[in-house]
């Protein structure tokens, strides 16, 4: 695709969509480039929403991908607050909320998702908040006052990070989780236990295996009632029970959709010249494997760059390893690769209570690693583990477990 006379459209001006736009220009695309977003802001990264922005130590400019001047310099037509309503893949047309119709040569869907709402709770309650967007984070920040009684529903990463930030700001925090451990869907039991111990040490009242029965209050949530009869008064209720991918436009356009917009190895959807990337993208990590979505910074960054290249005709298979990190108080966890539901194949104990959990396949090849440590001290080990995964050589569980055997030594074979 030469660029001249072409029109590339990106629907979704979040992290993935913004990275697509910037990469297209970096790679020399000179044609018309349109970036359509629901929000009024320029593309930004989402992890700081529950950390720096919520703490008051960062503002939007610190984690935006670019500023307005850069967008103008790159001749990116940013259309904020103007959702796409209708997609015609046969005619290659897109209809916007303001009535405009755009024709495209290639289209990228990076529509992301929205916070899952708590069933049966009136949206009129002004102190029931969610955290997915910059504006939602600002609304939450304004109410995190010292001494405020905060109830967090959901023991996944959003709920835990909000709890940690709120506790550091002096709030009284109670966290409710329906499962019998924290982040059970994505983390091994040992890391869940480490998270539980850390939060309780920091004064977070965590209650596992509980069911929310109702929320009291007419204009504001005043208390939550649990199925066991417990009543927990609150000044603020934050809900972090997951994200719903924005697949409505893809469904309307007749694209293949499962738990997200399904793509092939090049991130192309079931329609010609239409690609998907980021939180909404459902792809196969391995040929013939199950579809999955990755709601991470790294996935948005990697798929955004990759989709841009393929929109320019490169036809490159996406093979990036999943990876994730989360900061909790003074501790951090990091993962790379695939973590299976089975017990880890080996664990390496490190100083200060840090550890690495290794997951091997049937041929003793490393497939995934999860690490827990103070601060970001585990980062170098995780990078070495990523190289071991990509190397693909069989490894000894005993050597992986032995801190005397360096990971660099294992790389050298």
Foldseek 3Di string as FASTA:
>chain_A
DQQDPFEEEEAAQELLSVLLLVLLVVVPRDHAAEYEHQAPDGYFDAPCLLPCVLLVNDDRVVTHPDDPVVCVVSNYHYHYNKHWDAAALVQQWIAIPVGDIDHHPFYEYAQFWAFDDDPPDDPLAQQEAEDDDNVSSVSNSVPLAAAFEEEEEAQEQSSQSNLQSSLVRHYQYEYEEQAQFGNLVADAPVVRVVSVVVSVVSRYHYDYNWAWDDFDDDNHGQWTAIPVGDIGGGPHYYYHHDTQGDCVNVVNNVWDADSAQEAEQQQATPGPNYGYFAQRYWYALDVPHGTDGAHASVRSNQRSSSNSVVSVPPPDGDNAWDKHKHDRNQKIKIKTFDDDRDAFLAKAADPPRKIKGFHADPQQQTGMMMIMDGHCVCVVVNVLSVVSNVVRDHDDRVLVHDPVNDSVNVSVD
